[in-house]
N, C-alpha and C. Protein backbone atom coordinates (compact mmCIF):
# COMPACT_ATOMS: atom_id res chain seq x y z
N MET A 1 129.24 112.02 108.04
CA MET A 1 129.95 112.74 107.04
C MET A 1 131.19 111.89 106.59
N LYS A 2 131.28 111.65 105.37
CA LYS A 2 132.38 110.83 104.89
C LYS A 2 133.53 111.76 104.37
N VAL A 3 134.73 111.48 104.88
CA VAL A 3 135.84 112.28 104.49
C VAL A 3 136.72 111.43 103.56
N LYS A 4 137.09 112.03 102.42
CA LYS A 4 138.02 111.35 101.52
C LYS A 4 139.40 111.87 101.86
N ARG A 5 140.31 111.04 102.16
CA ARG A 5 141.68 111.42 102.39
C ARG A 5 142.46 111.18 101.14
N VAL A 6 143.13 112.16 100.64
CA VAL A 6 143.92 112.12 99.48
C VAL A 6 145.37 112.44 99.86
N LYS A 7 146.30 111.59 99.68
CA LYS A 7 147.68 111.87 100.01
C LYS A 7 148.23 112.55 98.83
N ILE A 8 148.79 113.72 99.12
CA ILE A 8 149.38 114.56 98.07
C ILE A 8 150.88 114.60 98.38
N GLY A 9 151.67 114.41 97.38
CA GLY A 9 153.09 114.37 97.56
C GLY A 9 153.76 115.23 96.43
N ILE A 10 154.92 115.74 96.76
CA ILE A 10 155.76 116.42 95.79
C ILE A 10 156.98 115.61 95.54
N LYS A 11 157.18 115.22 94.31
CA LYS A 11 158.35 114.37 93.97
C LYS A 11 159.00 114.93 92.78
N SER A 12 160.25 115.05 92.72
CA SER A 12 160.95 115.43 91.49
C SER A 12 160.83 114.41 90.42
N ILE A 13 161.00 114.69 89.19
CA ILE A 13 160.90 113.74 88.17
C ILE A 13 161.90 112.62 88.31
N GLU A 14 163.13 112.97 88.82
CA GLU A 14 164.20 112.00 89.03
C GLU A 14 163.74 110.95 90.12
N ASP A 15 163.11 111.48 91.21
CA ASP A 15 162.65 110.49 92.24
C ASP A 15 161.50 109.65 91.70
N ALA A 16 160.61 110.20 90.91
CA ALA A 16 159.52 109.46 90.40
C ALA A 16 160.06 108.28 89.46
N LEU A 17 161.00 108.64 88.63
CA LEU A 17 161.63 107.69 87.74
C LEU A 17 162.43 106.60 88.56
N SER A 18 163.06 107.02 89.57
CA SER A 18 163.79 106.05 90.48
C SER A 18 162.81 105.13 91.17
N ASP A 19 161.62 105.59 91.64
CA ASP A 19 160.61 104.75 92.22
C ASP A 19 160.10 103.76 91.20
N ALA A 20 159.84 104.26 89.99
CA ALA A 20 159.34 103.36 88.89
C ALA A 20 160.34 102.30 88.61
N LYS A 21 161.64 102.59 88.51
CA LYS A 21 162.65 101.65 88.28
C LYS A 21 162.76 100.57 89.34
N GLU A 22 162.59 101.04 90.63
CA GLU A 22 162.60 100.10 91.70
C GLU A 22 161.40 99.16 91.70
N THR A 23 160.27 99.68 91.29
CA THR A 23 159.08 98.87 91.16
C THR A 23 159.23 97.83 90.07
N MET A 24 159.76 98.19 89.01
CA MET A 24 160.01 97.25 87.88
C MET A 24 160.96 96.10 88.36
N LYS A 25 161.96 96.46 89.04
CA LYS A 25 162.90 95.47 89.61
C LYS A 25 162.14 94.47 90.51
N LYS A 26 161.24 95.02 91.33
CA LYS A 26 160.51 94.11 92.21
C LYS A 26 159.58 93.19 91.42
N ILE A 27 159.03 93.64 90.29
CA ILE A 27 158.14 92.82 89.39
C ILE A 27 158.95 91.78 88.85
N GLU A 28 160.21 92.11 88.31
CA GLU A 28 161.12 91.14 87.72
C GLU A 28 161.52 90.05 88.66
N ARG A 29 161.64 90.42 89.98
CA ARG A 29 162.03 89.34 91.07
C ARG A 29 160.80 88.61 91.42
N GLY A 30 159.57 88.99 91.00
CA GLY A 30 158.38 88.29 91.43
C GLY A 30 157.84 88.66 92.79
N GLU A 31 158.28 89.84 93.33
CA GLU A 31 157.80 90.30 94.60
C GLU A 31 156.42 90.80 94.53
N LYS A 32 155.66 90.64 95.64
CA LYS A 32 154.32 91.21 95.61
C LYS A 32 154.43 92.67 95.91
N LEU A 33 153.68 93.44 95.16
CA LEU A 33 153.72 94.95 95.36
C LEU A 33 152.53 95.46 96.15
N GLU A 34 152.74 96.44 96.92
CA GLU A 34 151.69 97.14 97.64
C GLU A 34 151.05 98.16 96.63
N ARG A 35 149.73 98.27 96.67
CA ARG A 35 149.11 99.26 95.79
C ARG A 35 149.45 100.66 96.34
N ALA A 36 150.03 101.51 95.40
CA ALA A 36 150.35 102.88 95.82
C ALA A 36 149.07 103.76 95.82
N GLN A 37 148.98 104.55 96.79
CA GLN A 37 147.92 105.46 96.99
C GLN A 37 148.42 106.84 96.90
N GLY A 38 147.68 107.72 96.40
CA GLY A 38 148.05 109.15 96.46
C GLY A 38 148.27 109.76 95.04
N VAL A 39 148.49 111.01 95.10
CA VAL A 39 148.72 111.81 93.93
C VAL A 39 150.02 112.54 94.15
N TYR A 40 150.91 112.49 93.16
CA TYR A 40 152.21 113.20 93.34
C TYR A 40 152.35 114.24 92.14
N PHE A 41 152.93 115.29 92.54
CA PHE A 41 153.23 116.36 91.60
C PHE A 41 154.71 116.64 91.61
N SER A 42 155.22 117.22 90.56
CA SER A 42 156.61 117.45 90.45
C SER A 42 157.09 118.75 91.25
N SER A 43 156.04 119.56 91.60
CA SER A 43 156.39 120.77 92.38
C SER A 43 155.07 121.20 93.04
N PHE A 44 155.21 122.16 94.00
CA PHE A 44 154.00 122.76 94.61
C PHE A 44 153.26 123.59 93.65
N GLU A 45 153.93 124.22 92.74
CA GLU A 45 153.32 125.03 91.71
C GLU A 45 152.42 124.03 90.74
N ALA A 46 152.96 122.88 90.48
CA ALA A 46 152.12 121.93 89.63
C ALA A 46 150.87 121.50 90.45
N PHE A 47 151.04 121.31 91.69
CA PHE A 47 149.90 121.02 92.55
C PHE A 47 148.82 122.09 92.49
N ARG A 48 149.27 123.36 92.59
CA ARG A 48 148.41 124.51 92.64
C ARG A 48 147.65 124.59 91.25
N LYS A 49 148.35 124.26 90.15
CA LYS A 49 147.76 124.31 88.87
C LYS A 49 146.76 123.28 88.68
N ALA A 50 146.85 122.11 89.39
CA ALA A 50 146.00 120.98 89.22
C ALA A 50 144.65 121.23 89.95
N LEU A 51 144.68 121.80 91.11
CA LEU A 51 143.42 122.06 91.91
C LEU A 51 143.12 123.56 91.81
N THR A 52 142.69 124.04 90.71
CA THR A 52 142.42 125.40 90.44
C THR A 52 141.11 125.72 91.08
N PRO A 53 140.81 127.00 91.23
CA PRO A 53 139.50 127.46 91.79
C PRO A 53 138.34 126.96 90.99
N LYS A 54 138.50 126.79 89.67
CA LYS A 54 137.36 126.32 88.82
C LYS A 54 137.17 124.84 88.93
N ARG A 55 138.21 124.07 89.23
CA ARG A 55 138.05 122.65 89.42
C ARG A 55 137.52 122.42 90.80
N LEU A 56 137.78 123.17 91.84
CA LEU A 56 137.27 123.07 93.10
C LEU A 56 135.79 123.44 93.12
N ALA A 57 135.41 124.51 92.27
CA ALA A 57 134.04 124.86 92.07
C ALA A 57 133.25 123.70 91.42
N LEU A 58 133.87 122.94 90.57
CA LEU A 58 133.20 121.87 89.86
C LEU A 58 132.86 120.72 90.97
N LEU A 59 133.85 120.43 91.77
CA LEU A 59 133.63 119.49 92.81
C LEU A 59 132.40 119.94 93.73
N HIS A 60 132.39 121.16 94.11
CA HIS A 60 131.33 121.68 94.96
C HIS A 60 129.97 121.52 94.19
N THR A 61 129.90 121.93 92.93
CA THR A 61 128.71 121.90 92.15
C THR A 61 128.20 120.43 91.95
N ILE A 62 129.11 119.55 91.75
CA ILE A 62 128.69 118.11 91.54
C ILE A 62 128.08 117.60 92.83
N LYS A 63 128.75 118.01 93.97
CA LYS A 63 128.22 117.53 95.29
C LYS A 63 126.91 118.16 95.66
N THR A 64 126.67 119.35 95.31
CA THR A 64 125.42 120.07 95.81
C THR A 64 124.31 120.00 94.76
N SER A 65 124.60 119.97 93.42
CA SER A 65 123.56 120.01 92.43
C SER A 65 123.27 118.71 91.83
N ARG A 66 124.22 117.79 91.94
CA ARG A 66 124.06 116.45 91.47
C ARG A 66 123.63 116.43 89.99
N PRO A 67 124.41 116.99 89.10
CA PRO A 67 124.04 117.10 87.67
C PRO A 67 123.87 115.68 87.07
N LYS A 68 122.98 115.53 86.13
CA LYS A 68 122.72 114.26 85.55
C LYS A 68 123.67 114.01 84.32
N SER A 69 124.44 115.00 83.88
CA SER A 69 125.30 114.88 82.78
C SER A 69 126.39 115.98 82.82
N LEU A 70 127.32 115.80 81.95
CA LEU A 70 128.40 116.81 81.84
C LEU A 70 127.81 118.10 81.22
N ARG A 71 126.85 117.91 80.29
CA ARG A 71 126.21 119.08 79.69
C ARG A 71 125.47 119.91 80.77
N GLU A 72 124.74 119.24 81.69
CA GLU A 72 124.07 119.93 82.76
C GLU A 72 125.02 120.62 83.62
N LEU A 73 126.20 119.95 83.99
CA LEU A 73 127.17 120.58 84.80
C LEU A 73 127.76 121.80 84.21
N ALA A 74 127.97 121.74 82.87
CA ALA A 74 128.47 122.93 82.12
C ALA A 74 127.46 124.11 82.19
N GLU A 75 126.20 123.74 82.01
CA GLU A 75 125.15 124.81 82.07
C GLU A 75 125.06 125.42 83.48
N ILE A 76 125.12 124.63 84.50
CA ILE A 76 125.02 125.14 85.90
C ILE A 76 126.19 126.11 86.21
N THR A 77 127.39 125.62 85.73
CA THR A 77 128.55 126.42 86.04
C THR A 77 128.82 127.58 84.99
N ARG A 78 128.01 127.54 84.02
CA ARG A 78 128.20 128.51 82.88
C ARG A 78 129.59 128.48 82.24
N ARG A 79 130.06 127.29 82.03
CA ARG A 79 131.31 127.01 81.38
C ARG A 79 131.08 126.21 80.10
N ASP A 80 132.12 126.26 79.28
CA ASP A 80 132.12 125.50 78.02
C ASP A 80 132.13 124.05 78.33
N ILE A 81 131.30 123.24 77.64
CA ILE A 81 131.29 121.82 77.86
C ILE A 81 132.62 121.09 77.64
N LYS A 82 133.43 121.62 76.68
CA LYS A 82 134.69 121.02 76.42
C LYS A 82 135.65 121.16 77.65
N ASN A 83 135.74 122.42 78.20
CA ASN A 83 136.53 122.70 79.38
C ASN A 83 136.07 121.92 80.52
N VAL A 84 134.72 121.80 80.76
CA VAL A 84 134.23 121.05 81.90
C VAL A 84 134.52 119.59 81.79
N SER A 85 134.42 119.14 80.52
CA SER A 85 134.75 117.65 80.29
C SER A 85 136.25 117.35 80.60
N GLU A 86 137.12 118.23 80.13
CA GLU A 86 138.52 118.04 80.37
C GLU A 86 138.80 118.08 81.94
N ASP A 87 138.24 119.02 82.62
CA ASP A 87 138.45 119.17 84.06
C ASP A 87 137.88 117.88 84.76
N VAL A 88 136.70 117.46 84.38
CA VAL A 88 136.15 116.30 85.02
C VAL A 88 137.08 114.99 84.72
N ARG A 89 137.52 114.91 83.49
CA ARG A 89 138.39 113.78 83.19
C ARG A 89 139.63 113.77 84.09
N TYR A 90 140.24 114.98 84.28
CA TYR A 90 141.42 115.13 85.01
C TYR A 90 141.14 114.78 86.50
N LEU A 91 140.06 115.31 87.06
CA LEU A 91 139.64 115.02 88.46
C LEU A 91 139.34 113.56 88.73
N GLU A 92 138.82 112.89 87.73
CA GLU A 92 138.58 111.48 87.71
C GLU A 92 139.95 110.73 87.82
N GLN A 93 140.90 111.12 87.03
CA GLN A 93 142.17 110.44 86.96
C GLN A 93 142.88 110.55 88.35
N ILE A 94 142.72 111.66 89.07
CA ILE A 94 143.39 111.80 90.36
C ILE A 94 142.54 111.24 91.51
N GLY A 95 141.36 110.73 91.14
CA GLY A 95 140.51 109.97 92.13
C GLY A 95 139.51 110.88 92.89
N LEU A 96 139.20 112.10 92.40
CA LEU A 96 138.29 112.94 93.14
C LEU A 96 136.84 112.94 92.59
N ILE A 97 136.67 112.35 91.44
CA ILE A 97 135.39 112.22 90.80
C ILE A 97 135.18 110.84 90.32
N GLU A 98 134.01 110.32 90.42
CA GLU A 98 133.63 109.06 89.72
C GLU A 98 132.70 109.41 88.58
N LYS A 99 132.85 108.75 87.44
CA LYS A 99 131.97 108.98 86.32
C LYS A 99 131.06 107.79 86.22
N LYS A 100 129.72 107.94 86.14
CA LYS A 100 128.76 106.92 86.08
C LYS A 100 128.04 107.07 84.81
N GLY A 101 127.44 105.95 84.28
CA GLY A 101 126.75 106.06 83.02
C GLY A 101 127.56 105.44 81.90
N ASP A 102 127.10 105.67 80.67
CA ASP A 102 127.75 105.17 79.44
C ASP A 102 128.47 106.27 78.73
N ASP A 103 129.07 105.91 77.57
CA ASP A 103 129.89 106.90 76.80
C ASP A 103 128.99 108.06 76.30
N ARG A 104 127.69 107.76 76.10
CA ARG A 104 126.76 108.76 75.50
C ARG A 104 126.42 109.75 76.59
N GLU A 105 126.13 109.34 77.79
CA GLU A 105 125.67 110.29 78.85
C GLU A 105 126.45 109.98 80.16
N ILE A 106 127.46 110.80 80.48
CA ILE A 106 128.24 110.54 81.68
C ILE A 106 127.68 111.45 82.82
N ARG A 107 127.47 110.87 83.96
CA ARG A 107 127.08 111.55 85.15
C ARG A 107 128.26 111.57 86.13
N PRO A 108 128.78 112.80 86.41
CA PRO A 108 129.84 112.86 87.40
C PRO A 108 129.30 112.72 88.80
N ALA A 109 130.01 112.05 89.69
CA ALA A 109 129.52 111.76 91.03
C ALA A 109 130.61 111.88 92.03
N ILE A 110 130.28 112.29 93.24
CA ILE A 110 131.20 112.38 94.40
C ILE A 110 130.54 111.67 95.55
N ASN A 111 131.26 110.84 96.26
CA ASN A 111 130.62 110.15 97.39
C ASN A 111 131.35 110.47 98.70
N TYR A 112 131.68 111.74 98.91
CA TYR A 112 132.31 112.24 100.10
C TYR A 112 131.83 113.66 100.36
N ASP A 113 132.02 114.14 101.55
CA ASP A 113 131.72 115.49 101.91
C ASP A 113 132.86 116.49 102.01
N ARG A 114 134.06 115.96 102.32
CA ARG A 114 135.20 116.70 102.43
C ARG A 114 136.39 116.05 101.92
N ILE A 115 137.41 116.85 101.64
CA ILE A 115 138.70 116.29 101.16
C ILE A 115 139.78 116.78 102.26
N ALA A 116 140.48 115.88 102.82
CA ALA A 116 141.48 116.20 103.78
C ALA A 116 142.85 116.02 103.13
N LEU A 117 143.54 117.01 102.92
CA LEU A 117 144.83 116.96 102.32
C LEU A 117 145.98 117.09 103.32
N GLU A 118 146.91 116.14 103.17
CA GLU A 118 148.09 116.16 104.07
C GLU A 118 149.24 116.28 103.21
N ILE A 119 150.09 117.37 103.49
CA ILE A 119 151.24 117.57 102.76
C ILE A 119 152.41 117.62 103.66
N ALA A 120 153.36 116.81 103.50
CA ALA A 120 154.61 116.80 104.22
C ALA A 120 155.43 117.98 103.90
N ILE A 121 156.02 118.66 104.81
CA ILE A 121 156.87 119.84 104.53
C ILE A 121 158.28 119.47 105.05
């Protein structure tokens, strides 16, 4: 069983901008940067809005049904294709879904069995 670990963090907008500023200074100095991993939200409420029950259901459906297209995923979940497409795009951006195929027919894929979330308090 493959476990995907996703680092979730809560950062204020000020902290995020400060981190970006520091990164740009390092680039100007020619320093080598470590690749940042994880997903950060401005608040716990923003995190809750990101991983909604419908998006979690999409992850489960993709894993168990292995739809061949977004249209098939929308049919299985009985949701509008536009909403499914937007949710899949967002979940891809935060690294929870891979999209395979071409622009004409996109197949969402997941290559893990669980997501382990660690949130510092």
